[in-house]
PDB file of N, CA and C in Angstrom:
ATOM      1  N   MET A   1       0.862  -1.167   0.000  1.00  0.00           N
ATOM      2  CA  MET A   1       0.000   0.000   0.000  1.00  0.00           C
ATOM      3  C   MET A   1       0.905   1.226   0.000  1.00  0.00           C
ATOM      4  N   TYR A   2       0.704   2.115  -0.952  1.00  0.00           N
ATOM      5  CA  TYR A   2       1.463   3.348  -1.070  1.00  0.00           C
ATOM      6  C   TYR A   2       0.540   4.540  -0.878  1.00  0.00           C
ATOM      7  N   ASN A   3       1.080   5.607  -0.339  1.00  0.00           N
ATOM      8  CA  ASN A   3       0.300   6.820  -0.169  1.00  0.00           C
ATOM      9  C   ASN A   3       0.827   7.842  -1.171  1.00  0.00           C
ATOM     10  N   PHE A   4       0.014   8.209  -2.140  1.00  0.00           N
ATOM     11  CA  PHE A   4       0.415   9.137  -3.189  1.00  0.00           C
ATOM     12  C   PHE A   4      -0.574  10.289  -3.219  1.00  0.00           C
ATOM     13  N   LYS A   5      -0.114  11.463  -2.809  1.00  0.00           N
ATOM     14  CA  LYS A   5      -0.958  12.662  -2.768  1.00  0.00           C
ATOM     15  C   LYS A   5      -2.257  12.408  -1.999  1.00  0.00           C
ATOM     16  N   ASN A   6      -2.098  11.872  -0.791  1.00  0.00           N
ATOM     17  CA  ASN A   6      -3.212  11.602   0.117  1.00  0.00           C
ATOM     18  C   ASN A   6      -4.202  10.563  -0.415  1.00  0.00           C
ATOM     19  N   LYS A   7      -3.780   9.753  -1.357  1.00  0.00           N
ATOM     20  CA  LYS A   7      -4.616   8.669  -1.865  1.00  0.00           C
ATOM     21  C   LYS A   7      -3.877   7.358  -1.632  1.00  0.00           C
ATOM     22  N   ASP A   8      -4.548   6.401  -1.066  1.00  0.00           N
ATOM     23  CA  ASP A   8      -3.937   5.099  -0.856  1.00  0.00           C
ATOM     24  C   ASP A   8      -3.996   4.298  -2.143  1.00  0.00           C
ATOM     25  N   ILE A   9      -2.844   3.814  -2.579  1.00  0.00           N
ATOM     26  CA  ILE A   9      -2.747   3.027  -3.805  1.00  0.00           C
ATOM     27  C   ILE A   9      -2.217   1.650  -3.420  1.00  0.00           C
ATOM     28  N   THR A  10      -2.941   0.636  -3.775  1.00  0.00           N
ATOM     29  CA  THR A  10      -2.517  -0.724  -3.498  1.00  0.00           C
ATOM     30  C   THR A  10      -1.925  -1.311  -4.769  1.00  0.00           C
ATOM     31  N   VAL A  11      -0.713  -1.867  -4.651  1.00  0.00           N
ATOM     32  CA  VAL A  11      -0.051  -2.486  -5.787  1.00  0.00           C
ATOM     33  C   VAL A  11      -0.298  -3.982  -5.714  1.00  0.00           C
ATOM     34  N   TYR A  12      -0.968  -4.523  -6.716  1.00  0.00           N
ATOM     35  CA  TYR A  12      -1.308  -5.941  -6.774  1.00  0.00           C
ATOM     36  C   TYR A  12      -0.343  -6.668  -7.691  1.00  0.00           C
ATOM     37  N   SER A  13      -0.251  -7.954  -7.506  1.00  0.00           N
ATOM     38  CA  SER A  13       0.577  -8.761  -8.389  1.00  0.00           C
ATOM     39  C   SER A  13      -0.159  -9.002  -9.704  1.00  0.00           C
ATOM     40  N   PHE A  14       0.570  -9.389 -10.707  1.00  0.00           N
ATOM     41  CA  PHE A  14       0.019  -9.618 -12.038  1.00  0.00           C
ATOM     42  C   PHE A  14      -1.054 -10.719 -12.047  1.00  0.00           C
ATOM     43  N   PRO A  15      -0.807 -11.890 -11.421  1.00  0.00           N
ATOM     44  CA  PRO A  15      -1.859 -12.926 -11.439  1.00  0.00           C
ATOM     45  C   PRO A  15      -3.144 -12.484 -10.749  1.00  0.00           C
ATOM     46  N   PHE A  16      -3.051 -11.690  -9.687  1.00  0.00           N
ATOM     47  CA  PHE A  16      -4.239 -11.207  -9.001  1.00  0.00           C
ATOM     48  C   PHE A  16      -5.064 -10.318  -9.922  1.00  0.00           C
ATOM     49  N   LEU A  17      -4.398  -9.441 -10.665  1.00  0.00           N
ATOM     50  CA  LEU A  17      -5.118  -8.528 -11.555  1.00  0.00           C
ATOM     51  C   LEU A  17      -5.793  -9.275 -12.695  1.00  0.00           C
ATOM     52  N   ILE A  18      -5.127 -10.258 -13.259  1.00  0.00           N
ATOM     53  CA  ILE A  18      -5.688 -11.028 -14.367  1.00  0.00           C
ATOM     54  C   ILE A  18      -6.878 -11.862 -13.901  1.00  0.00           C
ATOM     55  N   ARG A  19      -6.762 -12.448 -12.727  1.00  0.00           N
ATOM     56  CA  ARG A  19      -7.811 -13.321 -12.207  1.00  0.00           C
ATOM     57  C   ARG A  19      -9.116 -12.565 -11.961  1.00  0.00           C
ATOM     58  N   ASN A  20      -9.032 -11.271 -11.664  1.00  0.00           N
ATOM     59  CA  ASN A  20     -10.218 -10.503 -11.299  1.00  0.00           C
ATOM     60  C   ASN A  20     -10.811  -9.696 -12.456  1.00  0.00           C
ATOM     61  N   LEU A  21     -10.358  -9.919 -13.672  1.00  0.00           N
ATOM     62  CA  LEU A  21     -10.928  -9.247 -14.836  1.00  0.00           C
ATOM     63  C   LEU A  21     -11.820 -10.208 -15.611  1.00  0.00           C
ATOM     64  N   LYS A  22     -12.838  -9.668 -16.253  1.00  0.00           N
ATOM     65  CA  LYS A  22     -13.741 -10.484 -17.071  1.00  0.00           C
ATOM     66  C   LYS A  22     -13.169 -10.633 -18.476  1.00  0.00           C
ATOM     67  N   ASN A  23     -13.768 -11.482 -19.282  1.00  0.00           N
ATOM     68  CA  ASN A  23     -13.254 -11.760 -20.620  1.00  0.00           C
ATOM     69  C   ASN A  23     -13.986 -10.972 -21.698  1.00  0.00           C
ATOM     70  N   THR A  24     -13.963  -9.669 -21.634  1.00  0.00           N
ATOM     71  CA  THR A  24     -14.512  -8.848 -22.705  1.00  0.00           C
ATOM     72  C   THR A  24     -13.356  -8.253 -23.487  1.00  0.00           C
ATOM     73  N   ASN A  25     -13.645  -7.627 -24.604  1.00  0.00           N
ATOM     74  CA  ASN A  25     -12.585  -7.040 -25.424  1.00  0.00           C
ATOM     75  C   ASN A  25     -11.852  -5.933 -24.682  1.00  0.00           C
ATOM     76  N   VAL A  26     -12.594  -5.133 -23.910  1.00  0.00           N
ATOM     77  CA  VAL A  26     -11.962  -4.061 -23.136  1.00  0.00           C
ATOM     78  C   VAL A  26     -11.040  -4.651 -22.086  1.00  0.00           C
ATOM     79  N   ASP A  27     -11.488  -5.730 -21.449  1.00  0.00           N
ATOM     80  CA  ASP A  27     -10.675  -6.363 -20.423  1.00  0.00           C
ATOM     81  C   ASP A  27      -9.453  -7.059 -21.021  1.00  0.00           C
ATOM     82  N   LYS A  28      -9.565  -7.577 -22.235  1.00  0.00           N
ATOM     83  CA  LYS A  28      -8.404  -8.168 -22.896  1.00  0.00           C
ATOM     84  C   LYS A  28      -7.342  -7.107 -23.164  1.00  0.00           C
ATOM     85  N   GLU A  29      -7.780  -5.918 -23.528  1.00  0.00           N
ATOM     86  CA  GLU A  29      -6.844  -4.809 -23.721  1.00  0.00           C
ATOM     87  C   GLU A  29      -6.213  -4.416 -22.385  1.00  0.00           C
ATOM     88  N   LYS A  30      -7.021  -4.422 -21.329  1.00  0.00           N
ATOM     89  CA  LYS A  30      -6.491  -4.124 -19.992  1.00  0.00           C
ATOM     90  C   LYS A  30      -5.466  -5.164 -19.572  1.00  0.00           C
ATOM     91  N   ILE A  31      -5.762  -6.430 -19.863  1.00  0.00           N
ATOM     92  CA  ILE A  31      -4.831  -7.506 -19.528  1.00  0.00           C
ATOM     93  C   ILE A  31      -3.507  -7.305 -20.246  1.00  0.00           C
ATOM     94  N   LYS A  32      -3.572  -6.937 -21.518  1.00  0.00           N
ATOM     95  CA  LYS A  32      -2.358  -6.691 -22.301  1.00  0.00           C
ATOM     96  C   LYS A  32      -1.553  -5.552 -21.686  1.00  0.00           C
ATOM     97  N   ILE A  33      -2.212  -4.474 -21.297  1.00  0.00           N
ATOM     98  CA  ILE A  33      -1.533  -3.319 -20.711  1.00  0.00           C
ATOM     99  C   ILE A  33      -0.961  -3.670 -19.340  1.00  0.00           C
ATOM    100  N   ILE A  34      -1.719  -4.417 -18.536  1.00  0.00           N
ATOM    101  CA  ILE A  34      -1.243  -4.820 -17.208  1.00  0.00           C
ATOM    102  C   ILE A  34      -0.029  -5.728 -17.339  1.00  0.00           C
ATOM    103  N   LYS A  35      -0.075  -6.664 -18.293  1.00  0.00           N
ATOM    104  CA  LYS A  35       1.055  -7.579 -18.505  1.00  0.00           C
ATOM    105  C   LYS A  35       2.304  -6.809 -18.929  1.00  0.00           C
ATOM    106  N   GLU A  36       2.141  -5.867 -19.851  1.00  0.00           N
ATOM    107  CA  GLU A  36       3.269  -5.064 -20.309  1.00  0.00           C
ATOM    108  C   GLU A  36       3.827  -4.216 -19.172  1.00  0.00           C
ATOM    109  N   ASN A  37       2.946  -3.642 -18.370  1.00  0.00           N
ATOM    110  CA  ASN A  37       3.368  -2.833 -17.230  1.00  0.00           C
ATOM    111  C   ASN A  37       4.135  -3.682 -16.219  1.00  0.00           C
ATOM    112  N   TYR A  38       3.638  -4.876 -15.945  1.00  0.00           N
ATOM    113  CA  TYR A  38       4.288  -5.787 -15.003  1.00  0.00           C
ATOM    114  C   TYR A  38       5.690  -6.160 -15.494  1.00  0.00           C
ATOM    115  N   LEU A  39       5.828  -6.486 -16.785  1.00  0.00           N
ATOM    116  CA  LEU A  39       7.128  -6.858 -17.335  1.00  0.00           C
ATOM    117  C   LEU A  39       8.105  -5.680 -17.311  1.00  0.00           C
ATOM    118  N   LEU A  40       7.615  -4.483 -17.615  1.00  0.00           N
ATOM    119  CA  LEU A  40       8.480  -3.302 -17.592  1.00  0.00           C
ATOM    120  C   LEU A  40       8.937  -2.959 -16.178  1.00  0.00           C
ATOM    121  N   LYS A  41       8.062  -3.138 -15.193  1.00  0.00           N
ATOM    122  CA  LYS A  41       8.454  -2.894 -13.798  1.00  0.00           C
ATOM    123  C   LYS A  41       9.533  -3.882 -13.360  1.00  0.00           C
ATOM    124  N   ASN A  42       9.381  -5.138 -13.741  1.00  0.00           N
ATOM    125  CA  ASN A  42      10.393  -6.136 -13.389  1.00  0.00           C
ATOM    126  C   ASN A  42      11.728  -5.829 -14.054  1.00  0.00           C
ATOM    127  N   GLU A  43      11.692  -5.398 -15.304  1.00  0.00           N
ATOM    128  CA  GLU A  43      12.924  -5.052 -16.010  1.00  0.00           C
ATOM    129  C   GLU A  43      13.585  -3.822 -15.385  1.00  0.00           C
ATOM    130  N   LEU A  44      12.781  -2.839 -15.005  1.00  0.00           N
ATOM    131  CA  LEU A  44      13.304  -1.646 -14.349  1.00  0.00           C
ATOM    132  C   LEU A  44      13.944  -2.005 -13.007  1.00  0.00           C
ATOM    133  N   ASP A  45      13.314  -2.884 -12.247  1.00  0.00           N
ATOM    134  CA  ASP A  45      13.894  -3.329 -10.979  1.00  0.00           C
ATOM    135  C   ASP A  45      15.210  -4.053 -11.197  1.00  0.00           C
ATOM    136  N   LEU A  46      15.304  -4.815 -12.280  1.00  0.00           N
ATOM    137  CA  LEU A  46      16.547  -5.511 -12.603  1.00  0.00           C
ATOM    138  C   LEU A  46      17.664  -4.504 -12.863  1.00  0.00           C
ATOM    139  N   TYR A  47      17.390  -3.470 -13.644  1.00  0.00           N
ATOM    140  CA  TYR A  47      18.420  -2.479 -13.945  1.00  0.00           C
ATOM    141  C   TYR A  47      18.767  -1.629 -12.730  1.00  0.00           C
ATOM    142  N   LYS A  48      17.809  -1.393 -11.835  1.00  0.00           N
ATOM    143  CA  LYS A  48      18.106  -0.669 -10.599  1.00  0.00           C
ATOM    144  C   LYS A  48      18.966  -1.494  -9.660  1.00  0.00           C
ATOM    145  N   SER A  49      18.861  -2.799  -9.743  1.00  0.00           N
ATOM    146  CA  SER A  49      19.587  -3.675  -8.825  1.00  0.00           C
ATOM    147  C   SER A  49      21.096  -3.663  -9.072  1.00  0.00           C
ATOM    148  N   ILE A  50      21.552  -3.134 -10.195  1.00  0.00           N
ATOM    149  CA  ILE A  50      22.993  -3.050 -10.463  1.00  0.00           C
ATOM    150  C   ILE A  50      23.689  -2.301  -9.335  1.00  0.00           C
ATOM    151  N   PHE A  51      23.106  -1.203  -8.910  1.00  0.00           N
ATOM    152  CA  PHE A  51      23.749  -0.335  -7.932  1.00  0.00           C
ATOM    153  C   PHE A  51      23.712  -0.928  -6.530  1.00  0.00           C
ATOM    154  N   ILE A  52      22.841  -1.882  -6.294  1.00  0.00           N
ATOM    155  CA  ILE A  52      22.754  -2.515  -4.974  1.00  0.00           C
ATOM    156  C   ILE A  52      23.648  -3.750  -4.908  1.00  0.00           C
ATOM    157  N   THR A  53      23.561  -4.599  -5.911  1.00  0.00           N
ATOM    158  CA  THR A  53      24.273  -5.874  -5.866  1.00  0.00           C
ATOM    159  C   THR A  53      25.718  -5.797  -6.351  1.00  0.00           C
ATOM    160  N   HIS A  54      26.019  -4.868  -7.245  1.00  0.00           N
ATOM    161  CA  HIS A  54      27.361  -4.787  -7.833  1.00  0.00           C
ATOM    162  C   HIS A  54      27.912  -3.364  -7.743  1.00  0.00           C
ATOM    163  N   SER A  55      27.967  -2.830  -6.547  1.00  0.00           N
ATOM    164  CA  SER A  55      28.398  -1.438  -6.388  1.00  0.00           C
ATOM    165  C   SER A  55      29.890  -1.250  -6.673  1.00  0.00           C
ATOM    166  N   ASN A  56      30.687  -2.312  -6.538  1.00  0.00           N
ATOM    167  CA  ASN A  56      32.129  -2.190  -6.775  1.00  0.00           C
ATOM    168  C   ASN A  56      32.565  -2.723  -8.137  1.00  0.00           C
ATOM    169  N   SER A  57      31.639  -3.032  -8.985  1.00  0.00           N
ATOM    170  CA  SER A  57      31.970  -3.587 -10.302  1.00  0.00           C
ATOM    171  C   SER A  57      31.865  -2.522 -11.379  1.00  0.00           C
ATOM    172  N   VAL A  58      32.628  -2.717 -12.436  1.00  0.00           N
ATOM    173  CA  VAL A  58      32.557  -1.839 -13.600  1.00  0.00           C
ATOM    174  C   VAL A  58      31.380  -2.304 -14.459  1.00  0.00           C
ATOM    175  N   ILE A  59      30.561  -1.367 -14.911  1.00  0.00           N
ATOM    176  CA  ILE A  59      29.366  -1.712 -15.686  1.00  0.00           C
ATOM    177  C   ILE A  59      29.744  -2.512 -16.933  1.00  0.00           C
ATOM    178  N   TYR A  60      30.868  -2.181 -17.529  1.00  0.00           N
ATOM    179  CA  TYR A  60      31.315  -2.870 -18.735  1.00  0.00           C
ATOM    180  C   TYR A  60      31.511  -4.366 -18.490  1.00  0.00           C
ATOM    181  N   ASN A  61      31.899  -4.744 -17.255  1.00  0.00           N
ATOM    182  CA  ASN A  61      32.165  -6.151 -16.943  1.00  0.00           C
ATOM    183  C   ASN A  61      30.915  -6.932 -16.567  1.00  0.00           C
ATOM    184  N   LEU A  62      29.780  -6.279 -16.404  1.00  0.00           N
ATOM    185  CA  LEU A  62      28.557  -6.964 -16.002  1.00  0.00           C
ATOM    186  C   LEU A  62      27.839  -7.550 -17.214  1.00  0.00           C
ATOM    187  N   LYS A  63      27.377  -8.756 -17.051  1.00  0.00           N
ATOM    188  CA  LYS A  63      26.628  -9.450 -18.105  1.00  0.00           C
ATOM    189  C   LYS A  63      25.295  -9.902 -17.530  1.00  0.00           C
ATOM    190  N   LEU A  64      24.270  -9.879 -18.355  1.00  0.00           N
ATOM    191  CA  LEU A  64      22.963 -10.419 -17.967  1.00  0.00           C
ATOM    192  C   LEU A  64      22.958 -11.907 -18.268  1.00  0.00           C
ATOM    193  N   LYS A  65      22.801 -12.711 -17.229  1.00  0.00           N
ATOM    194  CA  LYS A  65      22.714 -14.162 -17.370  1.00  0.00           C
ATOM    195  C   LYS A  65      21.444 -14.629 -16.687  1.00  0.00           C
ATOM    196  N   LYS A  66      21.101 -15.887 -16.879  1.00  0.00           N
ATOM    197  CA  LYS A  66      19.860 -16.432 -16.325  1.00  0.00           C
ATOM    198  C   LYS A  66      20.137 -17.626 -15.430  1.00  0.00           C
ATOM    199  N   ILE A  67      19.353 -17.702 -14.350  1.00  0.00           N
ATOM    200  CA  ILE A  67      19.303 -18.889 -13.505  1.00  0.00           C
ATOM    201  C   ILE A  67      17.855 -19.354 -13.531  1.00  0.00           C
ATOM    202  N   ASN A  68      17.614 -20.505 -14.129  1.00  0.00           N
ATOM    203  CA  ASN A  68      16.260 -21.053 -14.291  1.00  0.00           C
ATOM    204  C   ASN A  68      15.330 -20.051 -14.969  1.00  0.00           C
ATOM    205  N   GLY A  69      15.824 -19.305 -15.945  1.00  0.00           N
ATOM    206  CA  GLY A  69      15.012 -18.364 -16.693  1.00  0.00           C
ATOM    207  C   GLY A  69      14.900 -16.986 -16.072  1.00  0.00           C
ATOM    208  N   LYS A  70      15.389 -16.795 -14.846  1.00  0.00           N
ATOM    209  CA  LYS A  70      15.322 -15.492 -14.186  1.00  0.00           C
ATOM    210  C   LYS A  70      16.635 -14.753 -14.415  1.00  0.00           C
ATOM    211  N   LYS A  71      16.536 -13.509 -14.891  1.00  0.00           N
ATOM    212  CA  LYS A  71      17.729 -12.732 -15.220  1.00  0.00           C
ATOM    213  C   LYS A  71      18.421 -12.212 -13.965  1.00  0.00           C
ATOM    214  N   ILE A  72      19.754 -12.296 -13.976  1.00  0.00           N
ATOM    215  CA  ILE A  72      20.569 -11.718 -12.914  1.00  0.00           C
ATOM    216  C   ILE A  72      21.805 -11.076 -13.538  1.00  0.00           C
ATOM    217  N   TRP A  73      22.457 -10.205 -12.790  1.00  0.00           N
ATOM    218  CA  TRP A  73      23.702  -9.594 -13.232  1.00  0.00           C
ATOM    219  C   TRP A  73      24.865 -10.437 -12.732  1.00  0.00           C
ATOM    220  N   VAL A  74      25.855 -10.637 -13.606  1.00  0.00           N
ATOM    221  CA  VAL A  74      27.051 -11.407 -13.256  1.00  0.00           C
ATOM    222  C   VAL A  74      28.260 -10.601 -13.681  1.00  0.00           C
ATOM    223  N   ASP A  75      29.234 -10.459 -12.770  1.00  0.00           N
ATOM    224  CA  ASP A  75      30.490  -9.788 -13.090  1.00  0.00           C
ATOM    225  C   ASP A  75      31.425 -10.827 -13.695  1.00  0.00           C
ATOM    226  N   LYS A  76      31.816 -10.631 -14.946  1.00  0.00           N
ATOM    227  CA  LYS A  76      32.606 -11.651 -15.634  1.00  0.00           C
ATOM    228  C   LYS A  76      34.020 -11.768 -15.070  1.00  0.00           C
ATOM    229  N   ILE A  77      34.499 -10.772 -14.330  1.00  0.00           N
ATOM    230  CA  ILE A  77      35.819 -10.842 -13.717  1.00  0.00           C
ATOM    231  C   ILE A  77      35.762 -11.621 -12.403  1.00  0.00           C
ATOM    232  N   LYS A  78      34.739 -11.354 -11.583  1.00  0.00           N
ATOM    233  CA  LYS A  78      34.636 -11.976 -10.265  1.00  0.00           C
ATOM    234  C   LYS A  78      33.985 -13.357 -10.298  1.00  0.00           C
ATOM    235  N   ILE A  79      33.400 -13.751 -11.414  1.00  0.00           N
ATOM    236  CA  ILE A  79      32.674 -15.021 -11.481  1.00  0.00           C
ATOM    237  C   ILE A  79      33.606 -16.221 -11.351  1.00  0.00           C
ATOM    238  N   SER A  80      34.874 -16.062 -11.702  1.00  0.00           N
ATOM    239  CA  SER A  80      35.799 -17.193 -11.636  1.00  0.00           C
ATOM    240  C   SER A  80      36.019 -17.672 -10.204  1.00  0.00           C
ATOM    241  N   SER A  81      35.786 -16.810  -9.213  1.00  0.00           N
ATOM    242  CA  SER A  81      35.947 -17.217  -7.811  1.00  0.00           C
ATOM    243  C   SER A  81      34.624 -17.645  -7.176  1.00  0.00           C
ATOM    244  N   GLN A  82      33.521 -17.536  -7.895  1.00  0.00           N
ATOM    245  CA  GLN A  82      32.198 -17.885  -7.364  1.00  0.00           C
ATOM    246  C   GLN A  82      31.679 -19.140  -8.068  1.00  0.00           C
ATOM    247  N   TRP A  83      32.237 -20.290  -7.714  1.00  0.00           N
ATOM    248  CA  TRP A  83      31.912 -21.531  -8.412  1.00  0.00           C
ATOM    249  C   TRP A  83      30.477 -21.955  -8.211  1.00  0.00           C
ATOM    250  N   SER A  84      29.910 -21.717  -7.026  1.00  0.00           N
ATOM    251  CA  SER A  84      28.532 -22.160  -6.796  1.00  0.00           C
ATOM    252  C   SER A  84      27.560 -21.394  -7.697  1.00  0.00           C
ATOM    253  N   LEU A  85      27.785 -20.092  -7.849  1.00  0.00           N
ATOM    254  CA  LEU A  85      26.945 -19.292  -8.745  1.00  0.00           C
ATOM    255  C   LEU A  85      27.183 -19.691 -10.197  1.00  0.00           C
ATOM    256  N   LEU A  86      28.425 -19.920 -10.549  1.00  0.00           N
ATOM    257  CA  LEU A  86      28.764 -20.279 -11.928  1.00  0.00           C
ATOM    258  C   LEU A  86      28.107 -21.590 -12.345  1.00  0.00           C
ATOM    259  N   ASN A  87      28.021 -22.539 -11.436  1.00  0.00           N
ATOM    260  CA  ASN A  87      27.402 -23.824 -11.767  1.00  0.00           C
ATOM    261  C   ASN A  87      25.885 -23.745 -11.829  1.00  0.00           C
ATOM    262  N   LYS A  88      25.279 -22.751 -11.181  1.00  0.00           N
ATOM    263  CA  LYS A  88      23.821 -22.589 -11.217  1.00  0.00           C
ATOM    264  C   LYS A  88      23.335 -21.905 -12.488  1.00  0.00           C
ATOM    265  N   LEU A  89      24.198 -21.159 -13.173  1.00  0.00           N
ATOM    266  CA  LEU A  89      23.789 -20.394 -14.352  1.00  0.00           C
ATOM    267  C   LEU A  89      23.333 -21.308 -15.484  1.00  0.00           C
ATOM    268  N   ASP A  90      22.345 -20.841 -16.254  1.00  0.00           N
ATOM    269  CA  ASP A  90      21.936 -21.556 -17.458  1.00  0.00           C
ATOM    270  C   ASP A  90      23.100 -21.533 -18.444  1.00  0.00           C
ATOM    271  N   LYS A  91      23.343 -22.646 -19.075  1.00  0.00           N
ATOM    272  CA  LYS A  91      24.515 -22.779 -19.952  1.00  0.00           C
ATOM    273  C   LYS A  91      24.309 -22.049 -21.274  1.00  0.00           C
ATOM    274  N   ASP A  92      25.247 -21.180 -21.590  1.00  0.00           N
ATOM    275  CA  ASP A  92      25.323 -20.541 -22.903  1.00  0.00           C
ATOM    276  C   ASP A  92      26.801 -20.436 -23.258  1.00  0.00           C
ATOM    277  N   LYS A  93      27.119 -19.744 -24.342  1.00  0.00           N
ATOM    278  CA  LYS A  93      28.487 -19.680 -24.826  1.00  0.00           C
ATOM    279  C   LYS A  93      29.449 -19.094 -23.784  1.00  0.00           C
ATOM    280  N   ASP A  94      29.056 -17.996 -23.133  1.00  0.00           N
ATOM    281  CA  ASP A  94      29.928 -17.359 -22.149  1.00  0.00           C
ATOM    282  C   ASP A  94      30.131 -18.231 -20.919  1.00  0.00           C
ATOM    283  N   VAL A  95      29.074 -18.840 -20.429  1.00  0.00           N
ATOM    284  CA  VAL A  95      29.168 -19.664 -19.222  1.00  0.00           C
ATOM    285  C   VAL A  95      30.051 -20.878 -19.470  1.00  0.00           C
ATOM    286  N   ILE A  96      29.920 -21.493 -20.623  1.00  0.00           N
ATOM    287  CA  ILE A  96      30.772 -22.640 -20.960  1.00  0.00           C
ATOM    288  C   ILE A  96      32.226 -22.203 -21.045  1.00  0.00           C
ATOM    289  N   GLU A  97      32.472 -21.014 -21.582  1.00  0.00           N
ATOM    290  CA  GLU A  97      33.845 -20.493 -21.650  1.00  0.00           C
ATOM    291  C   GLU A  97      34.395 -20.240 -20.253  1.00  0.00           C
ATOM    292  N   TRP A  98      33.568 -19.710 -19.339  1.00  0.00           N
ATOM    293  CA  TRP A  98      34.010 -19.452 -17.965  1.00  0.00           C
ATOM    294  C   TRP A  98      34.274 -20.742 -17.209  1.00  0.00           C
ATOM    295  N   LEU A  99      33.574 -21.817 -17.570  1.00  0.00           N
ATOM    296  CA  LEU A  99      33.747 -23.094 -16.886  1.00  0.00           C
ATOM    297  C   LEU A  99      34.996 -23.847 -17.343  1.00  0.00           C
ATOM    298  N   THR A 100      35.479 -23.579 -18.539  1.00  0.00           N
ATOM    299  CA  THR A 100      36.661 -24.282 -19.029  1.00  0.00           C
ATOM    300  C   THR A 100      37.907 -23.747 -18.305  1.00  0.00           C
ATOM    301  N   PRO A 101      38.781 -24.644 -17.858  1.00  0.00           N
ATOM    302  CA  PRO A 101      39.976 -24.195 -17.142  1.00  0.00           C
ATOM    303  C   PRO A 101      40.949 -23.470 -18.077  1.00  0.00           C
ATOM    304  N   VAL A 102      41.680 -22.548 -17.515  1.00  0.00           N
ATOM    305  CA  VAL A 102      42.661 -21.776 -18.280  1.00  0.00           C
ATOM    306  C   VAL A 102      43.973 -22.527 -18.243  1.00  0.00           C
ATOM    307  N   ARG A 103      44.578 -22.715 -19.403  1.00  0.00           N
ATOM    308  CA  ARG A 103      45.851 -23.436 -19.474  1.00  0.00           C
ATOM    309  C   ARG A 103      46.976 -22.507 -19.062  1.00  0.00           C
ATOM    310  N   CYS A 104      47.939 -23.075 -18.365  1.00  0.00           N
ATOM    311  CA  CYS A 104      49.123 -22.317 -17.953  1.00  0.00           C
ATOM    312  C   CYS A 104      50.009 -22.072 -19.164  1.00  0.00           C
ATOM    313  N   GLU A 105      50.561 -20.883 -19.214  1.00  0.00           N
ATOM    314  CA  GLU A 105      51.473 -20.558 -20.311  1.00  0.00           C
ATOM    315  C   GLU A 105      52.909 -20.754 -19.849  1.00  0.00           C
ATOM    316  N   ARG A 106      53.736 -21.227 -20.748  1.00  0.00           N
ATOM    317  CA  ARG A 106      55.153 -21.413 -20.431  1.00  0.00           C
ATOM    318  C   ARG A 106      55.982 -20.562 -21.325  1.00  0.00           C
TER     319      ARG A 106
END
């Protein structure tokens, strides 16, 4: 519950809003707008989280990776010391490269 200009505003989750709408054309448009709004809020929260979770990292070194389909920020420099996180990431080209051991040069 938020108070905005002396009006109480309740923020509901996406499934709650969809469940309480009827199936008319106007409501289908509302569902589309609510879904888009929900996705944009989640994406905005993800980008805001950079400053909380990776305050000492360079933005250039951060990559968006997924764990079970959920996006997270990963520092490609510090990931080599975080094996538990590295093994949880969904496998893609970068993750497979990070998992391969580096050969010693002579």
